[in-house]
């Protein structure tokens, strides 16, 4: 047998034994920081995500928020826009008569000069 193969076999056996020892120690609660299992791999940070229930809760909250916002925006009365203003026939006649007087006065002034 090659020496390299023997070494890899021994290392795998050592790892297996260390894991078994660590498992037995953890049952008793006597695991120490010096055991290879205790200092082996640091725990990865737990990936935090939304649960389906949390997602539904957030969705309901956002829908309520936007509904309240729409309701608040809808409250103020819409700006009243004036339609086209119309003039009564009497007012139109009065303005036309005044304009004719002005034209007549200008014509008279132009003839006199």
PDB file of N, CA and C in Angstrom:
ATOM      1  N   UNK A   1       0.840  -1.198   0.000  1.00  0.00           N
ATOM      2  CA  UNK A   1       0.000   0.000   0.000  1.00  0.00           C
ATOM      3  C   UNK A   1       0.873   1.244   0.000  1.00  0.00           C
ATOM      4  N   UNK A   2       0.320   2.276  -0.611  1.00  0.00           N
ATOM      5  CA  UNK A   2       1.027   3.557  -0.627  1.00  0.00           C
ATOM      6  C   UNK A   2       0.863   4.267   0.701  1.00  0.00           C
ATOM      7  N   UNK A   3       1.839   5.083   1.025  1.00  0.00           N
ATOM      8  CA  UNK A   3       1.788   5.824   2.287  1.00  0.00           C
ATOM      9  C   UNK A   3       0.682   6.886   2.247  1.00  0.00           C
ATOM     10  N   UNK A   4       0.485   7.499   1.132  1.00  0.00           N
ATOM     11  CA  UNK A   4      -0.531   8.555   1.024  1.00  0.00           C
ATOM     12  C   UNK A   4      -1.924   7.991   1.273  1.00  0.00           C
ATOM     13  N   UNK A   5      -2.165   6.787   0.726  1.00  0.00           N
ATOM     14  CA  UNK A   5      -3.472   6.164   0.914  1.00  0.00           C
ATOM     15  C   UNK A   5      -3.683   5.782   2.379  1.00  0.00           C
ATOM     16  N   UNK A   6      -2.630   5.289   2.999  1.00  0.00           N
ATOM     17  CA  UNK A   6      -2.723   4.919   4.416  1.00  0.00           C
ATOM     18  C   UNK A   6      -3.021   6.160   5.251  1.00  0.00           C
ATOM     19  N   UNK A   7      -2.353   7.267   4.936  1.00  0.00           N
ATOM     20  CA  UNK A   7      -2.579   8.511   5.683  1.00  0.00           C
ATOM     21  C   UNK A   7      -4.007   9.012   5.523  1.00  0.00           C
ATOM     22  N   UNK A   8      -4.540   8.985   4.314  1.00  0.00           N
ATOM     23  CA  UNK A   8      -5.929   9.446   4.117  1.00  0.00           C
ATOM     24  C   UNK A   8      -6.914   8.548   4.856  1.00  0.00           C
ATOM     25  N   UNK A   9      -6.661   7.249   4.850  1.00  0.00           N
ATOM     26  CA  UNK A   9      -7.533   6.330   5.591  1.00  0.00           C
ATOM     27  C   UNK A   9      -7.492   6.620   7.088  1.00  0.00           C
ATOM     28  N   UNK A  10      -6.302   6.836   7.600  1.00  0.00           N
ATOM     29  CA  UNK A  10      -6.170   7.140   9.033  1.00  0.00           C
ATOM     30  C   UNK A  10      -6.856   8.464   9.395  1.00  0.00           C
ATOM     31  N   UNK A  11      -6.701   9.450   8.510  1.00  0.00           N
ATOM     32  CA  UNK A  11      -7.347  10.757   8.789  1.00  0.00           C
ATOM     33  C   UNK A  11      -8.870  10.632   8.781  1.00  0.00           C
ATOM     34  N   UNK A  12      -9.409   9.893   7.836  1.00  0.00           N
ATOM     35  CA  UNK A  12     -10.867   9.710   7.819  1.00  0.00           C
ATOM     36  C   UNK A  12     -11.340   8.961   9.058  1.00  0.00           C
ATOM     37  N   UNK A  13     -10.558   7.976   9.475  1.00  0.00           N
ATOM     38  CA  UNK A  13     -10.896   7.234  10.690  1.00  0.00           C
ATOM     39  C   UNK A  13     -10.836   8.156  11.909  1.00  0.00           C
ATOM     40  N   UNK A  14      -9.818   9.025  11.958  1.00  0.00           N
ATOM     41  CA  UNK A  14      -9.670   9.981  13.067  1.00  0.00           C
ATOM     42  C   UNK A  14     -10.859  10.937  13.108  1.00  0.00           C
ATOM     43  N   UNK A  15     -11.255  11.423  11.944  1.00  0.00           N
ATOM     44  CA  UNK A  15     -12.421  12.322  11.877  1.00  0.00           C
ATOM     45  C   UNK A  15     -13.677  11.618  12.362  1.00  0.00           C
ATOM     46  N   UNK A  16     -13.859  10.380  11.947  1.00  0.00           N
ATOM     47  CA  UNK A  16     -15.034   9.615  12.365  1.00  0.00           C
ATOM     48  C   UNK A  16     -15.044   9.426  13.878  1.00  0.00           C
ATOM     49  N   UNK A  17     -13.876   9.108  14.441  1.00  0.00           N
ATOM     50  CA  UNK A  17     -13.780   8.923  15.900  1.00  0.00           C
ATOM     51  C   UNK A  17     -14.012  10.231  16.644  1.00  0.00           C
ATOM     52  N   UNK A  18     -13.463  11.323  16.137  1.00  0.00           N
ATOM     53  CA  UNK A  18     -13.659  12.634  16.773  1.00  0.00           C
ATOM     54  C   UNK A  18     -15.138  13.024  16.770  1.00  0.00           C
ATOM     55  N   UNK A  19     -15.817  12.742  15.668  1.00  0.00           N
ATOM     56  CA  UNK A  19     -17.249  13.052  15.604  1.00  0.00           C
ATOM     57  C   UNK A  19     -18.036  12.204  16.587  1.00  0.00           C
ATOM     58  N   UNK A  20     -17.672  10.962  16.706  1.00  0.00           N
ATOM     59  CA  UNK A  20     -18.357  10.062  17.650  1.00  0.00           C
ATOM     60  C   UNK A  20     -18.132  10.528  19.083  1.00  0.00           C
ATOM     61  N   UNK A  21     -16.907  10.898  19.409  1.00  0.00           N
ATOM     62  CA  UNK A  21     -16.584  11.397  20.762  1.00  0.00           C
ATOM     63  C   UNK A  21     -17.368  12.672  21.044  1.00  0.00           C
ATOM     64  N   UNK A  22     -17.395  13.581  20.074  1.00  0.00           N
ATOM     65  CA  UNK A  22     -18.113  14.846  20.261  1.00  0.00           C
ATOM     66  C   UNK A  22     -19.600  14.605  20.461  1.00  0.00           C
ATOM     67  N   UNK A  23     -20.152  13.646  19.739  1.00  0.00           N
ATOM     68  CA  UNK A  23     -21.574  13.335  19.885  1.00  0.00           C
ATOM     69  C   UNK A  23     -21.866  12.787  21.275  1.00  0.00           C
ATOM     70  N   UNK A  24     -20.994  11.925  21.766  1.00  0.00           N
ATOM     71  CA  UNK A  24     -21.192  11.369  23.106  1.00  0.00           C
ATOM     72  C   UNK A  24     -21.028  12.440  24.177  1.00  0.00           C
ATOM     73  N   UNK A  25     -20.061  13.314  23.991  1.00  0.00           N
ATOM     74  CA  UNK A  25     -19.859  14.389  24.969  1.00  0.00           C
ATOM     75  C   UNK A  25     -21.030  15.371  24.977  1.00  0.00           C
ATOM     76  N   UNK A  26     -21.600  15.616  23.815  1.00  0.00           N
ATOM     77  CA  UNK A  26     -22.718  16.561  23.764  1.00  0.00           C
ATOM     78  C   UNK A  26     -23.949  15.990  24.460  1.00  0.00           C
ATOM     79  N   UNK A  27     -24.076  14.668  24.519  1.00  0.00           N
ATOM     80  CA  UNK A  27     -25.185  14.058  25.240  1.00  0.00           C
ATOM     81  C   UNK A  27     -25.078  14.343  26.736  1.00  0.00           C
ATOM     82  N   UNK A  28     -23.858  14.346  27.252  1.00  0.00           N
ATOM     83  CA  UNK A  28     -23.634  14.613  28.676  1.00  0.00           C
ATOM     84  C   UNK A  28     -23.539  16.106  28.956  1.00  0.00           C
ATOM     85  N   UNK A  29     -23.313  16.887  27.923  1.00  0.00           N
ATOM     86  CA  UNK A  29     -23.127  18.319  28.122  1.00  0.00           C
ATOM     87  C   UNK A  29     -21.725  18.640  28.591  1.00  0.00           C
ATOM     88  N   UNK A  30     -20.772  17.761  28.337  1.00  0.00           N
ATOM     89  CA  UNK A  30     -19.397  17.982  28.789  1.00  0.00           C
ATOM     90  C   UNK A  30     -18.478  18.415  27.654  1.00  0.00           C
ATOM     91  N   UNK A  31     -19.030  18.813  26.546  1.00  0.00           N
ATOM     92  CA  UNK A  31     -18.199  19.234  25.411  1.00  0.00           C
ATOM     93  C   UNK A  31     -17.433  20.489  25.796  1.00  0.00           C
ATOM     94  N   UNK A  32     -16.150  20.478  25.493  1.00  0.00           N
ATOM     95  CA  UNK A  32     -15.300  21.630  25.819  1.00  0.00           C
ATOM     96  C   UNK A  32     -14.812  22.279  24.548  1.00  0.00           C
ATOM     97  N   UNK A  33     -14.234  23.429  24.681  1.00  0.00           N
ATOM     98  CA  UNK A  33     -13.742  24.159  23.514  1.00  0.00           C
ATOM     99  C   UNK A  33     -12.514  23.505  22.923  1.00  0.00           C
ATOM    100  N   UNK A  34     -11.879  22.585  23.684  1.00  0.00           N
ATOM    101  CA  UNK A  34     -10.666  21.948  23.182  1.00  0.00           C
ATOM    102  C   UNK A  34     -10.964  20.733  22.326  1.00  0.00           C
ATOM    103  N   UNK A  35     -12.196  20.232  22.378  1.00  0.00           N
ATOM    104  CA  UNK A  35     -12.508  19.073  21.542  1.00  0.00           C
ATOM    105  C   UNK A  35     -12.607  19.524  20.097  1.00  0.00           C
ATOM    106  N   UNK A  36     -12.145  18.704  19.185  1.00  0.00           N
ATOM    107  CA  UNK A  36     -12.164  19.093  17.774  1.00  0.00           C
ATOM    108  C   UNK A  36     -13.559  19.406  17.266  1.00  0.00           C
ATOM    109  N   UNK A  37     -14.592  18.725  17.780  1.00  0.00           N
ATOM    110  CA  UNK A  37     -15.948  18.983  17.315  1.00  0.00           C
ATOM    111  C   UNK A  37     -16.416  20.365  17.738  1.00  0.00           C
ATOM    112  N   UNK A  38     -15.957  20.820  18.912  1.00  0.00           N
ATOM    113  CA  UNK A  38     -16.391  22.115  19.421  1.00  0.00           C
ATOM    114  C   UNK A  38     -15.782  23.255  18.626  1.00  0.00           C
ATOM    115  N   UNK A  39     -14.525  23.056  18.180  1.00  0.00           N
ATOM    116  CA  UNK A  39     -13.908  24.149  17.442  1.00  0.00           C
ATOM    117  C   UNK A  39     -13.885  23.881  15.938  1.00  0.00           C
ATOM    118  N   UNK A  40     -14.611  22.867  15.511  1.00  0.00           N
ATOM    119  CA  UNK A  40     -14.581  22.463  14.104  1.00  0.00           C
ATOM    120  C   UNK A  40     -15.068  23.594  13.184  1.00  0.00           C
ATOM    121  N   UNK A  41     -16.272  23.582  12.790  1.00  0.00           N
ATOM    122  CA  UNK A  41     -16.778  24.576  11.850  1.00  0.00           C
ATOM    123  C   UNK A  41     -17.639  25.588  12.589  1.00  0.00           C
ATOM    124  N   UNK A  42     -17.349  26.881  12.437  1.00  0.00           N
ATOM    125  CA  UNK A  42     -18.221  27.874  13.070  1.00  0.00           C
ATOM    126  C   UNK A  42     -19.592  27.841  12.410  1.00  0.00           C
ATOM    127  N   UNK A  43     -20.594  28.098  13.207  1.00  0.00           N
ATOM    128  CA  UNK A  43     -21.959  28.044  12.690  1.00  0.00           C
ATOM    129  C   UNK A  43     -22.172  29.180  11.694  1.00  0.00           C
ATOM    130  N   UNK A  44     -22.833  28.857  10.612  1.00  0.00           N
ATOM    131  CA  UNK A  44     -23.151  29.886   9.625  1.00  0.00           C
ATOM    132  C   UNK A  44     -24.345  30.677  10.123  1.00  0.00           C
ATOM    133  N   UNK A  45     -24.339  31.960   9.767  1.00  0.00           N
ATOM    134  CA  UNK A  45     -25.464  32.797  10.165  1.00  0.00           C
ATOM    135  C   UNK A  45     -26.727  32.269   9.498  1.00  0.00           C
ATOM    136  N   UNK A  46     -27.788  32.211  10.263  1.00  0.00           N
ATOM    137  CA  UNK A  46     -29.040  31.697   9.737  1.00  0.00           C
ATOM    138  C   UNK A  46     -29.594  32.689   8.720  1.00  0.00           C
ATOM    139  N   UNK A  47     -29.940  32.181   7.562  1.00  0.00           N
ATOM    140  CA  UNK A  47     -30.504  33.048   6.529  1.00  0.00           C
ATOM    141  C   UNK A  47     -31.931  33.379   6.937  1.00  0.00           C
ATOM    142  N   UNK A  48     -32.197  34.650   7.021  1.00  0.00           N
ATOM    143  CA  UNK A  48     -33.513  35.071   7.471  1.00  0.00           C
ATOM    144  C   UNK A  48     -34.371  35.422   6.269  1.00  0.00           C
ATOM    145  N   UNK A  49     -35.551  34.889   6.256  1.00  0.00           N
ATOM    146  CA  UNK A  49     -36.474  35.147   5.158  1.00  0.00           C
ATOM    147  C   UNK A  49     -37.883  35.267   5.708  1.00  0.00           C
ATOM    148  N   UNK A  50     -38.806  35.536   4.827  1.00  0.00           N
ATOM    149  CA  UNK A  50     -40.193  35.654   5.245  1.00  0.00           C
ATOM    150  C   UNK A  50     -40.880  34.299   5.158  1.00  0.00           C
ATOM    151  N   UNK A  51     -41.634  34.003   6.172  1.00  0.00           N
ATOM    152  CA  UNK A  51     -42.455  32.802   6.122  1.00  0.00           C
ATOM    153  C   UNK A  51     -43.707  33.162   5.321  1.00  0.00           C
ATOM    154  N   UNK A  52     -44.402  32.184   4.815  1.00  0.00           N
ATOM    155  CA  UNK A  52     -45.640  32.502   4.077  1.00  0.00           C
ATOM    156  C   UNK A  52     -46.643  33.272   4.928  1.00  0.00           C
ATOM    157  N   UNK A  53     -46.714  32.952   6.204  1.00  0.00           N
ATOM    158  CA  UNK A  53     -47.643  33.673   7.092  1.00  0.00           C
ATOM    159  C   UNK A  53     -47.198  35.122   7.251  1.00  0.00           C
ATOM    160  N   UNK A  54     -45.891  35.323   7.404  1.00  0.00           N
ATOM    161  CA  UNK A  54     -45.369  36.686   7.522  1.00  0.00           C
ATOM    162  C   UNK A  54     -45.608  37.477   6.261  1.00  0.00           C
ATOM    163  N   UNK A  55     -45.458  36.826   5.123  1.00  0.00           N
ATOM    164  CA  UNK A  55     -45.688  37.491   3.836  1.00  0.00           C
ATOM    165  C   UNK A  55     -47.154  37.918   3.708  1.00  0.00           C
ATOM    166  N   UNK A  56     -48.079  37.042   4.125  1.00  0.00           N
ATOM    167  CA  UNK A  56     -49.514  37.388   4.080  1.00  0.00           C
ATOM    168  C   UNK A  56     -49.813  38.553   5.000  1.00  0.00           C
ATOM    169  N   UNK A  57     -49.187  38.536   6.202  1.00  0.00           N
ATOM    170  CA  UNK A  57     -49.398  39.624   7.158  1.00  0.00           C
ATOM    171  C   UNK A  57     -48.914  40.948   6.577  1.00  0.00           C
ATOM    172  N   UNK A  58     -47.721  40.930   5.985  1.00  0.00           N
ATOM    173  CA  UNK A  58     -47.186  42.147   5.363  1.00  0.00           C
ATOM    174  C   UNK A  58     -48.065  42.623   4.220  1.00  0.00           C
ATOM    175  N   UNK A  59     -48.541  41.690   3.424  1.00  0.00           N
ATOM    176  CA  UNK A  59     -49.393  42.033   2.292  1.00  0.00           C
ATOM    177  C   UNK A  59     -50.670  42.715   2.773  1.00  0.00           C
ATOM    178  N   UNK A  60     -51.273  42.153   3.813  1.00  0.00           N
ATOM    179  CA  UNK A  60     -52.513  42.741   4.355  1.00  0.00           C
ATOM    180  C   UNK A  60     -52.253  44.140   4.907  1.00  0.00           C
ATOM    181  N   UNK A  61     -51.118  44.308   5.588  1.00  0.00           N
ATOM    182  CA  UNK A  61     -50.795  45.626   6.150  1.00  0.00           C
ATOM    183  C   UNK A  61     -50.600  46.662   5.039  1.00  0.00           C
ATOM    184  N   UNK A  62     -49.890  46.274   3.979  1.00  0.00           N
ATOM    185  CA  UNK A  62     -49.640  47.212   2.885  1.00  0.00           C
ATOM    186  C   UNK A  62     -50.928  47.552   2.142  1.00  0.00           C
ATOM    187  N   UNK A  63     -51.798  46.555   1.958  1.00  0.00           N
ATOM    188  CA  UNK A  63     -53.075  46.818   1.286  1.00  0.00           C
ATOM    189  C   UNK A  63     -53.912  47.786   2.101  1.00  0.00           C
ATOM    190  N   UNK A  64     -53.923  47.599   3.432  1.00  0.00           N
ATOM    191  CA  UNK A  64     -54.674  48.505   4.302  1.00  0.00           C
ATOM    192  C   UNK A  64     -54.082  49.911   4.245  1.00  0.00           C
ATOM    193  N   UNK A  65     -52.763  49.987   4.213  1.00  0.00           N
ATOM    194  CA  UNK A  65     -52.091  51.287   4.167  1.00  0.00           C
ATOM    195  C   UNK A  65     -52.445  52.039   2.886  1.00  0.00           C
ATOM    196  N   UNK A  66     -52.382  51.335   1.761  1.00  0.00           N
ATOM    197  CA  UNK A  66     -52.681  51.995   0.491  1.00  0.00           C
ATOM    198  C   UNK A  66     -54.160  52.332   0.373  1.00  0.00           C
ATOM    199  N   UNK A  67     -55.032  51.507   0.926  1.00  0.00           N
ATOM    200  CA  UNK A  67     -56.468  51.806   0.893  1.00  0.00           C
ATOM    201  C   UNK A  67     -56.752  53.072   1.695  1.00  0.00           C
ATOM    202  N   UNK A  68     -56.105  53.197   2.862  1.00  0.00           N
ATOM    203  CA  UNK A  68     -56.292  54.391   3.682  1.00  0.00           C
ATOM    204  C   UNK A  68     -55.762  55.620   2.960  1.00  0.00           C
ATOM    205  N   UNK A  69     -54.640  55.447   2.269  1.00  0.00           N
ATOM    206  CA  UNK A  69     -54.051  56.574   1.546  1.00  0.00           C
ATOM    207  C   UNK A  69     -54.966  57.022   0.399  1.00  0.00           C
ATOM    208  N   UNK A  70     -55.524  56.043  -0.313  1.00  0.00           N
ATOM    209  CA  UNK A  70     -56.434  56.388  -1.409  1.00  0.00           C
ATOM    210  C   UNK A  70     -57.674  57.084  -0.878  1.00  0.00           C
ATOM    211  N   UNK A  71     -58.167  56.613   0.262  1.00  0.00           N
ATOM    212  CA  UNK A  71     -59.356  57.209   0.860  1.00  0.00           C
ATOM    213  C   UNK A  71     -59.068  58.651   1.272  1.00  0.00           C
ATOM    214  N   UNK A  72     -57.882  58.878   1.813  1.00  0.00           N
ATOM    215  CA  UNK A  72     -57.494  60.218   2.260  1.00  0.00           C
ATOM    216  C   UNK A  72     -57.357  61.165   1.072  1.00  0.00           C
ATOM    217  N   UNK A  73     -56.812  60.677  -0.014  1.00  0.00           N
ATOM    218  CA  UNK A  73     -56.642  61.509  -1.204  1.00  0.00           C
ATOM    219  C   UNK A  73     -58.000  61.809  -1.821  1.00  0.00           C
ATOM    220  N   UNK A  74     -58.917  60.861  -1.755  1.00  0.00           N
ATOM    221  CA  UNK A  74     -60.237  61.035  -2.363  1.00  0.00           C
ATOM    222  C   UNK A  74     -61.116  61.990  -1.567  1.00  0.00           C
ATOM    223  N   UNK A  75     -60.807  62.231  -0.301  1.00  0.00           N
ATOM    224  CA  UNK A  75     -61.642  63.082   0.540  1.00  0.00           C
ATOM    225  C   UNK A  75     -61.777  64.517   0.039  1.00  0.00           C
ATOM    226  N   UNK A  76     -60.676  65.235  -0.264  1.00  0.00           N
ATOM    227  CA  UNK A  76     -60.852  66.612  -0.704  1.00  0.00           C
ATOM    228  C   UNK A  76     -61.717  66.686  -1.959  1.00  0.00           C
ATOM    229  N   UNK A  77     -62.620  67.657  -1.964  1.00  0.00           N
ATOM    230  CA  UNK A  77     -63.528  67.799  -3.108  1.00  0.00           C
ATOM    231  C   UNK A  77     -62.705  68.139  -4.345  1.00  0.00           C
ATOM    232  N   UNK A  78     -63.063  67.562  -5.454  1.00  0.00           N
ATOM    233  CA  UNK A  78     -62.311  67.876  -6.663  1.00  0.00           C
ATOM    234  C   UNK A  78     -62.482  69.344  -7.029  1.00  0.00           C
ATOM    235  N   UNK A  79     -61.442  69.911  -7.579  1.00  0.00           N
ATOM    236  CA  UNK A  79     -61.463  71.322  -7.934  1.00  0.00           C
ATOM    237  C   UNK A  79     -62.547  71.553  -8.981  1.00  0.00           C
ATOM    238  N   UNK A  80     -63.426  72.510  -8.697  1.00  0.00           N
ATOM    239  CA  UNK A  80     -64.508  72.772  -9.637  1.00  0.00           C
ATOM    240  C   UNK A  80     -63.971  73.598 -10.792  1.00  0.00           C
ATOM    241  N   UNK A  81     -64.166  73.072 -11.974  1.00  0.00           N
ATOM    242  CA  UNK A  81     -63.725  73.811 -13.150  1.00  0.00           C
ATOM    243  C   UNK A  81     -64.935  74.514 -13.734  1.00  0.00           C
ATOM    244  N   UNK A  82     -64.740  75.729 -14.042  1.00  0.00           N
ATOM    245  CA  UNK A  82     -65.858  76.480 -14.613  1.00  0.00           C
ATOM    246  C   UNK A  82     -66.017  76.109 -16.067  1.00  0.00           C
ATOM    247  N   UNK A  83     -67.233  75.989 -16.440  1.00  0.00           N
ATOM    248  CA  UNK A  83     -67.519  75.727 -17.838  1.00  0.00           C
ATOM    249  C   UNK A  83     -67.365  77.029 -18.619  1.00  0.00           C
ATOM    250  N   UNK A  84     -67.650  76.979 -19.857  1.00  0.00           N
ATOM    251  CA  UNK A  84     -67.548  78.191 -20.667  1.00  0.00           C
ATOM    252  C   UNK A  84     -68.663  79.144 -20.252  1.00  0.00           C
ATOM    253  N   UNK A  85     -68.272  80.365 -19.968  1.00  0.00           N
ATOM    254  CA  UNK A  85     -69.267  81.336 -19.503  1.00  0.00           C
ATOM    255  C   UNK A  85     -70.037  81.886 -20.703  1.00  0.00           C
ATOM    256  N   UNK A  86     -71.313  81.969 -20.544  1.00  0.00           N
ATOM    257  CA  UNK A  86     -72.149  82.487 -21.632  1.00  0.00           C
ATOM    258  C   UNK A  86     -72.708  83.838 -21.231  1.00  0.00           C
ATOM    259  N   UNK A  87     -72.979  84.630 -22.221  1.00  0.00           N
ATOM    260  CA  UNK A  87     -73.488  85.985 -21.982  1.00  0.00           C
ATOM    261  C   UNK A  87     -74.968  86.022 -22.361  1.00  0.00           C
ATOM    262  N   UNK A  88     -75.707  86.728 -21.587  1.00  0.00           N
ATOM    263  CA  UNK A  88     -77.131  86.821 -21.898  1.00  0.00           C
ATOM    264  C   UNK A  88     -77.305  87.691 -23.152  1.00  0.00           C
ATOM    265  N   UNK A  89     -78.430  87.545 -23.793  1.00  0.00           N
ATOM    266  CA  UNK A  89     -78.703  88.304 -25.026  1.00  0.00           C
ATOM    267  C   UNK A  89     -78.736  89.808 -24.731  1.00  0.00           C
ATOM    268  N   UNK A  90     -79.286  90.189 -23.585  1.00  0.00           N
ATOM    269  CA  UNK A  90     -79.385  91.615 -23.228  1.00  0.00           C
ATOM    270  C   UNK A  90     -77.987  92.202 -23.022  1.00  0.00           C
ATOM    271  N   UNK A  91     -77.082  91.451 -22.345  1.00  0.00           N
ATOM    272  CA  UNK A  91     -75.725  91.940 -22.106  1.00  0.00           C
ATOM    273  C   UNK A  91     -74.976  92.059 -23.424  1.00  0.00           C
ATOM    274  N   UNK A  92     -75.163  91.095 -24.316  1.00  0.00           N
ATOM    275  CA  UNK A  92     -74.505  91.135 -25.626  1.00  0.00           C
ATOM    276  C   UNK A  92     -74.961  92.363 -26.422  1.00  0.00           C
ATOM    277  N   UNK A  93     -76.254  92.621 -26.385  1.00  0.00           N
ATOM    278  CA  UNK A  93     -76.825  93.773 -27.094  1.00  0.00           C
ATOM    279  C   UNK A  93     -76.264  95.083 -26.554  1.00  0.00           C
ATOM    280  N   UNK A  94     -76.125  95.149 -25.239  1.00  0.00           N
ATOM    281  CA  UNK A  94     -75.617  96.353 -24.578  1.00  0.00           C
ATOM    282  C   UNK A  94     -74.153  96.617 -24.991  1.00  0.00           C
ATOM    283  N   UNK A  95     -73.335  95.579 -25.000  1.00  0.00           N
ATOM    284  CA  UNK A  95     -71.918  95.723 -25.367  1.00  0.00           C
ATOM    285  C   UNK A  95     -71.795  96.125 -26.837  1.00  0.00           C
ATOM    286  N   UNK A  96     -72.612  95.487 -27.705  1.00  0.00           N
ATOM    287  CA  UNK A  96     -72.571  95.800 -29.144  1.00  0.00           C
ATOM    288  C   UNK A  96     -72.949  97.258 -29.385  1.00  0.00           C
ATOM    289  N   UNK A  97     -73.940  97.727 -28.687  1.00  0.00           N
ATOM    290  CA  UNK A  97     -74.388  99.136 -28.823  1.00  0.00           C
ATOM    291  C   UNK A  97     -73.279 100.097 -28.384  1.00  0.00           C
ATOM    292  N   UNK A  98     -72.609  99.797 -27.289  1.00  0.00           N
ATOM    293  CA  UNK A  98     -71.515 100.652 -26.797  1.00  0.00           C
ATOM    294  C   UNK A  98     -70.369 100.666 -27.808  1.00  0.00           C
ATOM    295  N   UNK A  99     -70.082  99.523 -28.419  1.00  0.00           N
ATOM    296  CA  UNK A  99     -69.000  99.449 -29.411  1.00  0.00           C
ATOM    297  C   UNK A  99     -69.352 100.277 -30.657  1.00  0.00           C
ATOM    298  N   UNK A 100     -70.602 100.200 -31.088  1.00  0.00           N
ATOM    299  CA  UNK A 100     -71.031 100.987 -32.250  1.00  0.00           C
ATOM    300  C   UNK A 100     -70.868 102.472 -31.983  1.00  0.00           C
ATOM    301  N   UNK A 101     -71.164 102.887 -30.738  1.00  0.00           N
ATOM    302  CA  UNK A 101     -71.009 104.307 -30.368  1.00  0.00           C
ATOM    303  C   UNK A 101     -69.548 104.713 -30.456  1.00  0.00           C
ATOM    304  N   UNK A 102     -68.649 103.828 -29.981  1.00  0.00           N
ATOM    305  CA  UNK A 102     -67.206 104.137 -30.043  1.00  0.00           C
ATOM    306  C   UNK A 102     -66.738 104.255 -31.495  1.00  0.00           C
ATOM    307  N   UNK A 103     -67.209 103.348 -32.348  1.00  0.00           N
ATOM    308  CA  UNK A 103     -66.814 103.396 -33.765  1.00  0.00           C
ATOM    309  C   UNK A 103     -67.329 104.678 -34.423  1.00  0.00           C
ATOM    310  N   UNK A 104     -68.536 105.004 -34.107  1.00  0.00           N
ATOM    311  CA  UNK A 104     -69.131 106.218 -34.689  1.00  0.00           C
ATOM    312  C   UNK A 104     -68.345 107.441 -34.259  1.00  0.00           C
ATOM    313  N   UNK A 105     -67.931 107.454 -32.969  1.00  0.00           N
ATOM    314  CA  UNK A 105     -67.171 108.614 -32.456  1.00  0.00           C
ATOM    315  C   UNK A 105     -65.821 108.681 -33.168  1.00  0.00           C
ATOM    316  N   UNK A 106     -65.196 107.567 -33.423  1.00  0.00           N
ATOM    317  CA  UNK A 106     -63.890 107.561 -34.106  1.00  0.00           C
ATOM    318  C   UNK A 106     -64.036 108.033 -35.558  1.00  0.00           C
ATOM    319  N   UNK A 107     -65.078 107.562 -36.216  1.00  0.00           N
ATOM    320  CA  UNK A 107     -65.299 107.979 -37.612  1.00  0.00           C
ATOM    321  C   UNK A 107     -65.520 109.484 -37.690  1.00  0.00           C
ATOM    322  N   UNK A 108     -66.268 109.972 -36.740  1.00  0.00           N
ATOM    323  CA  UNK A 108     -66.582 111.415 -36.702  1.00  0.00           C
ATOM    324  C   UNK A 108     -65.300 112.210 -36.469  1.00  0.00           C
ATOM    325  N   UNK A 109     -64.443 111.701 -35.557  1.00  0.00           N
ATOM    326  CA  UNK A 109     -63.176 112.371 -35.248  1.00  0.00           C
ATOM    327  C   UNK A 109     -62.241 112.317 -36.456  1.00  0.00           C
ATOM    328  N   UNK A 110     -62.270 111.193 -37.207  1.00  0.00           N
ATOM    329  CA  UNK A 110     -61.389 111.043 -38.347  1.00  0.00           C
ATOM    330  C   UNK A 110     -61.815 111.966 -39.490  1.00  0.00           C
ATOM    331  N   UNK A 111     -63.129 112.191 -39.698  1.00  0.00           N
ATOM    332  CA  UNK A 111     -63.637 113.084 -40.737  1.00  0.00           C
ATOM    333  C   UNK A 111     -63.306 114.528 -40.405  1.00  0.00           C
ATOM    334  N   UNK A 112     -63.344 114.876 -39.138  1.00  0.00           N
ATOM    335  CA  UNK A 112     -63.092 116.254 -38.696  1.00  0.00           C
ATOM    336  C   UNK A 112     -61.616 116.614 -38.854  1.00  0.00           C
ATOM    337  N   UNK A 113     -60.719 115.674 -38.807  1.00  0.00           N
ATOM    338  CA  UNK A 113     -59.308 116.015 -38.883  1.00  0.00           C
ATOM    339  C   UNK A 113     -58.822 116.220 -40.272  1.00  0.00           C
TER     340      UNK A 113
END
